[in-house]
Amino acid sequence: MDLRGLRKTEPSGYRGYGIPECFELAGRQFSFAFDDGEEMKLEFAAASKREVTLGTGKTHPYRCVKTGVDTYFVSYIDDDRCTSLAIDAAGGLVTRIVADASAQSLISFGAASPDAGGVLQIATDDFTGNAFEWSFGAEAKYVVTARYNSGAVQISYQLATADAPAATVSGFTAARLSEGVYLQNAAVTVDGRLFSVALVTNFNNMLCAGGVFGVKDDAILHMTIGGYGCTARP
């Protein structure tokens, strides 16, 4: 059998590589109290369904990728809003980003119990003066260079198969999840289309995983991304 015939050769374009979905939360339940007083209940359906039911009774399909030993990035869509959750299942903590169709985001922090500890740690300034390259894709389908200054980031990227359109970034925020691990969020405009990007970046092992959400002309993009990084060249 000629296995070469099984391999897709079409250019992947900007979508790049979707990292494997994680199903480890199937059958688990969580309850979080957020810093604004809101409470959230999550009930993940048992396999093989990939659905999460909220305390409101609403059920949504969700995407999940693993970011650590017992930490996960989960995202789901409710109408024209996307909720992204960086869940620390072992510590009973969650950092939440809610983005609307205009990529405006609200970040909040929750804990499973009062003694779980932890607070929302906005740490945007930790990135000032740093620059990193992130390769997304099994064969580095695109490489993103991120250069940070005070409260902002500029990105440029290369595609393996074509010239990349210009990208602009606004509303950059980073929350510290643990030592060397951050949840980054920003609105990114590429070729006239606006996206909300939420990315868990682990600088201890230079791996990242997260999600992209965008709405244009009633077309919704909701996907997970992941890659590996290194310090960018000057």
C-alpha atoms as a PDB file:
ATOM      1  CA  MET A   1       0.000   0.000   0.000  1.00  0.00           C
ATOM      2  CA  ASP A   2       1.320   3.434  -0.930  1.00  0.00           C
ATOM      3  CA  LEU A   3       0.780   5.451   2.259  1.00  0.00           C
ATOM      4  CA  ARG A   4       1.728   8.682   0.501  1.00  0.00           C
ATOM      5  CA  GLY A   5      -1.722   8.711  -1.053  1.00  0.00           C
ATOM      6  CA  LEU A   6      -3.313   9.115   2.391  1.00  0.00           C
ATOM      7  CA  ARG A   7      -1.584  12.378   3.157  1.00  0.00           C
ATOM      8  CA  LYS A   8      -3.387  15.609   2.413  1.00  0.00           C
ATOM      9  CA  THR A   9      -1.270  18.005   0.407  1.00  0.00           C
ATOM     10  CA  GLU A  10      -3.577  21.018   0.159  1.00  0.00           C
ATOM     11  CA  PRO A  11      -2.154  24.191   1.739  1.00  0.00           C
ATOM     12  CA  SER A  12      -3.493  24.703   5.244  1.00  0.00           C
ATOM     13  CA  GLY A  13      -3.340  28.502   5.004  1.00  0.00           C
ATOM     14  CA  TYR A  14      -3.740  30.592   8.127  1.00  0.00           C
ATOM     15  CA  ARG A  15      -5.618  27.852   9.997  1.00  0.00           C
ATOM     16  CA  GLY A  16      -2.387  25.946  10.397  1.00  0.00           C
ATOM     17  CA  TYR A  17      -2.465  22.938  12.725  1.00  0.00           C
ATOM     18  CA  GLY A  18      -5.225  22.017  15.165  1.00  0.00           C
ATOM     19  CA  ILE A  19      -3.718  20.274  18.178  1.00  0.00           C
ATOM     20  CA  PRO A  20      -5.462  17.090  19.383  1.00  0.00           C
ATOM     21  CA  GLU A  21      -8.652  17.593  21.345  1.00  0.00           C
ATOM     22  CA  CYS A  22      -8.680  16.424  24.966  1.00  0.00           C
ATOM     23  CA  PHE A  23     -11.526  14.318  26.364  1.00  0.00           C
ATOM     24  CA  GLU A  24     -10.277  13.970  29.955  1.00  0.00           C
ATOM     25  CA  LEU A  25     -12.988  16.244  31.393  1.00  0.00           C
ATOM     26  CA  ALA A  26     -15.764  13.908  30.216  1.00  0.00           C
ATOM     27  CA  GLY A  27     -17.999  13.017  33.155  1.00  0.00           C
ATOM     28  CA  ARG A  28     -16.499  15.640  35.497  1.00  0.00           C
ATOM     29  CA  GLN A  29     -18.308  18.501  37.238  1.00  0.00           C
ATOM     30  CA  PHE A  30     -17.077  21.841  38.559  1.00  0.00           C
ATOM     31  CA  SER A  31     -18.584  24.717  40.530  1.00  0.00           C
ATOM     32  CA  PHE A  32     -16.800  28.073  40.634  1.00  0.00           C
ATOM     33  CA  ALA A  33     -17.504  31.365  42.403  1.00  0.00           C
ATOM     34  CA  PHE A  34     -16.087  34.355  40.508  1.00  0.00           C
ATOM     35  CA  ASP A  35     -14.570  37.550  41.822  1.00  0.00           C
ATOM     36  CA  ASP A  36     -17.637  39.526  40.663  1.00  0.00           C
ATOM     37  CA  GLY A  37     -19.984  37.345  42.723  1.00  0.00           C
ATOM     38  CA  GLU A  38     -21.194  35.228  39.795  1.00  0.00           C
ATOM     39  CA  GLU A  39     -21.377  31.477  40.214  1.00  0.00           C
ATOM     40  CA  MET A  40     -20.791  28.968  37.425  1.00  0.00           C
ATOM     41  CA  LYS A  41     -21.508  25.255  37.283  1.00  0.00           C
ATOM     42  CA  LEU A  42     -20.047  23.049  34.570  1.00  0.00           C
ATOM     43  CA  GLU A  43     -21.112  19.479  33.888  1.00  0.00           C
ATOM     44  CA  PHE A  44     -19.133  17.765  31.138  1.00  0.00           C
ATOM     45  CA  ALA A  45     -21.047  14.975  29.436  1.00  0.00           C
ATOM     46  CA  ALA A  46     -19.672  11.467  29.604  1.00  0.00           C
ATOM     47  CA  ALA A  47     -17.886  10.200  26.510  1.00  0.00           C
ATOM     48  CA  SER A  48     -18.535  10.114  23.673  1.00  0.00           C
ATOM     49  CA  LYS A  49     -20.485  13.381  23.723  1.00  0.00           C
ATOM     50  CA  ARG A  50     -18.351  16.524  23.815  1.00  0.00           C
ATOM     51  CA  GLU A  51     -20.906  18.801  25.468  1.00  0.00           C
ATOM     52  CA  VAL A  52     -20.932  20.912  28.607  1.00  0.00           C
ATOM     53  CA  THR A  53     -24.082  21.817  30.541  1.00  0.00           C
ATOM     54  CA  LEU A  54     -24.084  25.045  32.530  1.00  0.00           C
ATOM     55  CA  GLY A  55     -25.913  25.728  35.777  1.00  0.00           C
ATOM     56  CA  THR A  56     -28.480  27.637  33.698  1.00  0.00           C
ATOM     57  CA  GLY A  57     -29.481  24.387  32.015  1.00  0.00           C
ATOM     58  CA  LYS A  58     -27.994  25.371  28.653  1.00  0.00           C
ATOM     59  CA  THR A  59     -25.870  22.781  26.883  1.00  0.00           C
ATOM     60  CA  HIS A  60     -23.115  23.688  24.422  1.00  0.00           C
ATOM     61  CA  PRO A  61     -20.586  21.767  22.345  1.00  0.00           C
ATOM     62  CA  TYR A  62     -17.112  22.572  23.630  1.00  0.00           C
ATOM     63  CA  ARG A  63     -13.495  22.364  22.594  1.00  0.00           C
ATOM     64  CA  CYS A  64     -10.782  21.300  25.012  1.00  0.00           C
ATOM     65  CA  VAL A  65      -7.008  21.002  24.886  1.00  0.00           C
ATOM     66  CA  LYS A  66      -4.690  19.933  27.657  1.00  0.00           C
ATOM     67  CA  THR A  67      -2.223  22.542  28.942  1.00  0.00           C
ATOM     68  CA  GLY A  68      -0.616  20.680  31.861  1.00  0.00           C
ATOM     69  CA  VAL A  69      -0.848  17.636  34.123  1.00  0.00           C
ATOM     70  CA  ASP A  70      -4.355  18.559  35.332  1.00  0.00           C
ATOM     71  CA  THR A  71      -4.938  21.887  33.581  1.00  0.00           C
ATOM     72  CA  TYR A  72      -7.115  22.492  30.538  1.00  0.00           C
ATOM     73  CA  PHE A  73      -8.194  25.148  28.064  1.00  0.00           C
ATOM     74  CA  VAL A  74     -11.919  24.886  27.372  1.00  0.00           C
ATOM     75  CA  SER A  75     -14.022  27.066  25.074  1.00  0.00           C
ATOM     76  CA  TYR A  76     -17.634  27.117  23.937  1.00  0.00           C
ATOM     77  CA  ILE A  77     -19.948  29.447  22.018  1.00  0.00           C
ATOM     78  CA  ASP A  78     -23.233  30.896  23.287  1.00  0.00           C
ATOM     79  CA  ASP A  79     -24.940  32.881  20.498  1.00  0.00           C
ATOM     80  CA  ASP A  80     -22.323  35.470  19.424  1.00  0.00           C
ATOM     81  CA  ARG A  81     -20.121  35.123  22.509  1.00  0.00           C
ATOM     82  CA  CYS A  82     -17.234  32.783  23.184  1.00  0.00           C
ATOM     83  CA  THR A  83     -16.294  31.735  26.715  1.00  0.00           C
ATOM     84  CA  SER A  84     -12.727  30.513  27.236  1.00  0.00           C
ATOM     85  CA  LEU A  85     -11.706  28.847  30.494  1.00  0.00           C
ATOM     86  CA  ALA A  86      -8.222  28.077  31.758  1.00  0.00           C
ATOM     87  CA  ILE A  87      -9.111  25.406  34.327  1.00  0.00           C
ATOM     88  CA  ASP A  88      -6.762  24.184  37.039  1.00  0.00           C
ATOM     89  CA  ALA A  89      -8.691  21.061  38.029  1.00  0.00           C
ATOM     90  CA  ALA A  90      -6.251  20.055  40.767  1.00  0.00           C
ATOM     91  CA  GLY A  91      -6.217  23.492  42.410  1.00  0.00           C
ATOM     92  CA  GLY A  92      -9.901  24.223  41.894  1.00  0.00           C
ATOM     93  CA  LEU A  93      -9.186  27.479  40.033  1.00  0.00           C
ATOM     94  CA  VAL A  94     -10.333  28.980  36.749  1.00  0.00           C
ATOM     95  CA  THR A  95      -9.517  32.085  34.729  1.00  0.00           C
ATOM     96  CA  ARG A  96     -12.291  33.057  32.317  1.00  0.00           C
ATOM     97  CA  ILE A  97     -12.355  35.215  29.192  1.00  0.00           C
ATOM     98  CA  VAL A  98     -15.667  36.122  27.565  1.00  0.00           C
ATOM     99  CA  ALA A  99     -15.361  37.627  24.076  1.00  0.00           C
ATOM    100  CA  ASP A 100     -18.154  39.015  21.919  1.00  0.00           C
ATOM    101  CA  ALA A 101     -18.462  39.298  18.138  1.00  0.00           C
ATOM    102  CA  SER A 102     -16.453  42.538  18.154  1.00  0.00           C
ATOM    103  CA  ALA A 103     -13.606  40.759  20.002  1.00  0.00           C
ATOM    104  CA  GLN A 104     -14.209  42.840  23.130  1.00  0.00           C
ATOM    105  CA  SER A 105     -13.202  40.693  26.094  1.00  0.00           C
ATOM    106  CA  LEU A 106     -13.860  40.535  29.811  1.00  0.00           C
ATOM    107  CA  ILE A 107     -11.533  38.554  32.082  1.00  0.00           C
ATOM    108  CA  SER A 108     -12.461  37.201  35.518  1.00  0.00           C
ATOM    109  CA  PHE A 109     -11.236  34.707  38.087  1.00  0.00           C
ATOM    110  CA  GLY A 110     -13.033  31.926  39.942  1.00  0.00           C
ATOM    111  CA  ALA A 111     -12.349  29.359  42.639  1.00  0.00           C
ATOM    112  CA  ALA A 112     -14.105  26.146  43.622  1.00  0.00           C
ATOM    113  CA  SER A 113     -14.102  27.060  47.316  1.00  0.00           C
ATOM    114  CA  PRO A 114     -13.019  29.974  49.532  1.00  0.00           C
ATOM    115  CA  ASP A 115      -9.969  28.039  50.728  1.00  0.00           C
ATOM    116  CA  ALA A 116      -8.844  27.194  47.168  1.00  0.00           C
ATOM    117  CA  GLY A 117      -6.791  30.388  47.244  1.00  0.00           C
ATOM    118  CA  GLY A 118      -5.615  32.494  44.354  1.00  0.00           C
ATOM    119  CA  VAL A 119      -6.696  35.797  42.849  1.00  0.00           C
ATOM    120  CA  LEU A 120      -6.783  37.236  39.358  1.00  0.00           C
ATOM    121  CA  GLN A 121      -3.204  38.276  38.602  1.00  0.00           C
ATOM    122  CA  ILE A 122      -3.101  40.669  35.652  1.00  0.00           C
ATOM    123  CA  ALA A 123       0.551  40.520  34.626  1.00  0.00           C
ATOM    124  CA  THR A 124       0.674  42.308  31.274  1.00  0.00           C
ATOM    125  CA  ASP A 125       3.816  44.180  32.280  1.00  0.00           C
ATOM    126  CA  ASP A 126       5.694  40.895  32.731  1.00  0.00           C
ATOM    127  CA  PHE A 127       5.987  40.757  28.929  1.00  0.00           C
ATOM    128  CA  THR A 128       7.409  44.234  28.372  1.00  0.00           C
ATOM    129  CA  GLY A 129      10.660  44.136  26.407  1.00  0.00           C
ATOM    130  CA  ASN A 130      10.369  40.461  25.476  1.00  0.00           C
ATOM    131  CA  ALA A 131      10.017  38.848  22.042  1.00  0.00           C
ATOM    132  CA  PHE A 132       9.157  35.266  21.124  1.00  0.00           C
ATOM    133  CA  GLU A 133       8.626  33.142  18.038  1.00  0.00           C
ATOM    134  CA  TRP A 134       5.837  30.580  18.048  1.00  0.00           C
ATOM    135  CA  SER A 135       5.612  27.828  15.454  1.00  0.00           C
ATOM    136  CA  PHE A 136       2.108  26.528  14.779  1.00  0.00           C
ATOM    137  CA  GLY A 137       1.682  23.343  12.801  1.00  0.00           C
ATOM    138  CA  ALA A 138       3.085  19.874  12.438  1.00  0.00           C
ATOM    139  CA  GLU A 139       5.507  21.270   9.874  1.00  0.00           C
ATOM    140  CA  ALA A 140       5.548  24.887  11.105  1.00  0.00           C
ATOM    141  CA  LYS A 141       2.776  25.939   8.752  1.00  0.00           C
ATOM    142  CA  TYR A 142       3.134  29.446  10.130  1.00  0.00           C
ATOM    143  CA  VAL A 143       5.539  31.149  12.511  1.00  0.00           C
ATOM    144  CA  VAL A 144       4.353  34.095  14.606  1.00  0.00           C
ATOM    145  CA  THR A 145       6.788  36.606  16.063  1.00  0.00           C
ATOM    146  CA  ALA A 146       5.410  38.540  19.048  1.00  0.00           C
ATOM    147  CA  ARG A 147       7.242  41.620  20.318  1.00  0.00           C
ATOM    148  CA  TYR A 148       5.990  43.195  23.524  1.00  0.00           C
ATOM    149  CA  ASN A 149       6.250  46.724  24.828  1.00  0.00           C
ATOM    150  CA  SER A 150       4.403  48.412  27.671  1.00  0.00           C
ATOM    151  CA  GLY A 151       0.842  47.100  27.641  1.00  0.00           C
ATOM    152  CA  ALA A 152       0.891  46.125  23.968  1.00  0.00           C
ATOM    153  CA  VAL A 153       2.178  43.555  21.499  1.00  0.00           C
ATOM    154  CA  GLN A 154       3.037  43.610  17.812  1.00  0.00           C
ATOM    155  CA  ILE A 155       2.938  40.439  15.747  1.00  0.00           C
ATOM    156  CA  SER A 156       4.164  39.377  12.349  1.00  0.00           C
ATOM    157  CA  TYR A 157       4.019  35.951  10.802  1.00  0.00           C
ATOM    158  CA  GLN A 158       5.172  33.829   7.931  1.00  0.00           C
ATOM    159  CA  LEU A 159       3.199  31.158   6.128  1.00  0.00           C
ATOM    160  CA  ALA A 160       4.887  28.088   4.713  1.00  0.00           C
ATOM    161  CA  THR A 161       2.844  28.160   1.525  1.00  0.00           C
ATOM    162  CA  ALA A 162       1.995  31.812   0.807  1.00  0.00           C
ATOM    163  CA  ASP A 163       2.613  35.413   1.725  1.00  0.00           C
ATOM    164  CA  ALA A 164       0.914  36.356   4.976  1.00  0.00           C
ATOM    165  CA  PRO A 165      -1.411  39.379   5.204  1.00  0.00           C
ATOM    166  CA  ALA A 166      -0.630  42.061   7.766  1.00  0.00           C
ATOM    167  CA  ALA A 167      -1.929  41.603  11.310  1.00  0.00           C
ATOM    168  CA  THR A 168      -2.662  44.194  14.002  1.00  0.00           C
ATOM    169  CA  VAL A 169      -3.269  43.600  17.705  1.00  0.00           C
ATOM    170  CA  SER A 170      -5.237  45.580  20.287  1.00  0.00           C
ATOM    171  CA  GLY A 171      -6.508  45.070  23.806  1.00  0.00           C
ATOM    172  CA  PHE A 172      -3.610  42.879  24.930  1.00  0.00           C
ATOM    173  CA  THR A 173      -3.959  41.469  28.450  1.00  0.00           C
ATOM    174  CA  ALA A 174      -2.070  38.701  30.232  1.00  0.00           C
ATOM    175  CA  ALA A 175      -3.029  36.916  33.450  1.00  0.00           C
ATOM    176  CA  ARG A 176      -0.516  34.857  35.414  1.00  0.00           C
ATOM    177  CA  LEU A 177      -1.889  31.346  36.041  1.00  0.00           C
ATOM    178  CA  SER A 178       1.170  29.973  37.822  1.00  0.00           C
ATOM    179  CA  GLU A 179       4.934  30.465  37.781  1.00  0.00           C
ATOM    180  CA  GLY A 180       5.914  30.924  34.153  1.00  0.00           C
ATOM    181  CA  VAL A 181       2.404  30.152  32.833  1.00  0.00           C
ATOM    182  CA  TYR A 182       0.143  32.899  31.454  1.00  0.00           C
ATOM    183  CA  LEU A 183      -3.220  33.280  29.771  1.00  0.00           C
ATOM    184  CA  GLN A 184      -2.817  35.877  27.020  1.00  0.00           C
ATOM    185  CA  ASN A 185      -5.772  37.554  25.342  1.00  0.00           C
ATOM    186  CA  ALA A 186      -6.013  40.075  22.515  1.00  0.00           C
ATOM    187  CA  ALA A 187      -8.080  41.194  19.550  1.00  0.00           C
ATOM    188  CA  VAL A 188      -6.268  40.408  16.301  1.00  0.00           C
ATOM    189  CA  THR A 189      -7.214  41.779  12.888  1.00  0.00           C
ATOM    190  CA  VAL A 190      -5.996  39.799   9.873  1.00  0.00           C
ATOM    191  CA  ASP A 191      -6.927  40.679   6.306  1.00  0.00           C
ATOM    192  CA  GLY A 192      -9.929  42.680   7.465  1.00  0.00           C
ATOM    193  CA  ARG A 193     -11.303  40.025   9.798  1.00  0.00           C
ATOM    194  CA  LEU A 194     -11.351  40.445  13.562  1.00  0.00           C
ATOM    195  CA  PHE A 195     -10.547  37.594  15.950  1.00  0.00           C
ATOM    196  CA  SER A 196     -10.346  37.137  19.693  1.00  0.00           C
ATOM    197  CA  VAL A 197      -7.309  35.037  20.614  1.00  0.00           C
ATOM    198  CA  ALA A 198      -6.875  33.402  24.033  1.00  0.00           C
ATOM    199  CA  LEU A 199      -3.632  31.509  24.522  1.00  0.00           C
ATOM    200  CA  VAL A 200      -2.139  29.654  27.483  1.00  0.00           C
ATOM    201  CA  THR A 201       1.628  30.064  27.174  1.00  0.00           C
ATOM    202  CA  ASN A 202       3.971  28.002  29.322  1.00  0.00           C
ATOM    203  CA  PHE A 203       7.442  29.528  29.335  1.00  0.00           C
ATOM    204  CA  ASN A 204       8.817  26.653  31.408  1.00  0.00           C
ATOM    205  CA  ASN A 205       8.593  24.326  28.416  1.00  0.00           C
ATOM    206  CA  MET A 206       7.866  26.896  25.656  1.00  0.00           C
ATOM    207  CA  LEU A 207       4.562  25.321  24.642  1.00  0.00           C
ATOM    208  CA  CYS A 208       1.280  27.116  24.021  1.00  0.00           C
ATOM    209  CA  ALA A 209      -2.345  26.115  23.475  1.00  0.00           C
ATOM    210  CA  GLY A 210      -5.569  28.057  23.206  1.00  0.00           C
ATOM    211  CA  GLY A 211      -8.358  29.165  20.952  1.00  0.00           C
ATOM    212  CA  VAL A 212      -9.435  31.595  18.245  1.00  0.00           C
ATOM    213  CA  PHE A 213     -12.934  33.045  17.886  1.00  0.00           C
ATOM    214  CA  GLY A 214     -14.265  35.345  15.188  1.00  0.00           C
ATOM    215  CA  VAL A 215     -17.554  36.371  13.574  1.00  0.00           C
ATOM    216  CA  LYS A 216     -17.971  37.933  10.140  1.00  0.00           C
ATOM    217  CA  ASP A 217     -21.118  37.983   7.989  1.00  0.00           C
ATOM    218  CA  ASP A 218     -22.706  35.380  10.293  1.00  0.00           C
ATOM    219  CA  ALA A 219     -19.780  33.063   9.671  1.00  0.00           C
ATOM    220  CA  ILE A 220     -18.249  31.838  12.943  1.00  0.00           C
ATOM    221  CA  LEU A 221     -14.697  30.632  13.360  1.00  0.00           C
ATOM    222  CA  HIS A 222     -14.095  28.690  16.564  1.00  0.00           C
ATOM    223  CA  MET A 223     -10.955  26.595  16.714  1.00  0.00           C
ATOM    224  CA  THR A 224      -8.101  25.505  18.945  1.00  0.00           C
ATOM    225  CA  ILE A 225      -4.460  26.206  18.192  1.00  0.00           C
ATOM    226  CA  GLY A 226      -1.152  25.144  19.679  1.00  0.00           C
ATOM    227  CA  GLY A 227       2.551  25.290  19.063  1.00  0.00           C
ATOM    228  CA  TYR A 228       6.047  25.570  20.462  1.00  0.00           C
ATOM    229  CA  GLY A 229       8.260  28.614  20.901  1.00  0.00           C
ATOM    230  CA  CYS A 230      11.648  30.129  21.445  1.00  0.00           C
ATOM    231  CA  THR A 231      13.130  33.557  22.119  1.00  0.00           C
ATOM    232  CA  ALA A 232      12.957  35.688  18.984  1.00  0.00           C
ATOM    233  CA  ARG A 233      16.052  36.969  17.274  1.00  0.00           C
ATOM    234  CA  PRO A 234      16.799  40.679  17.773  1.00  0.00           C
END
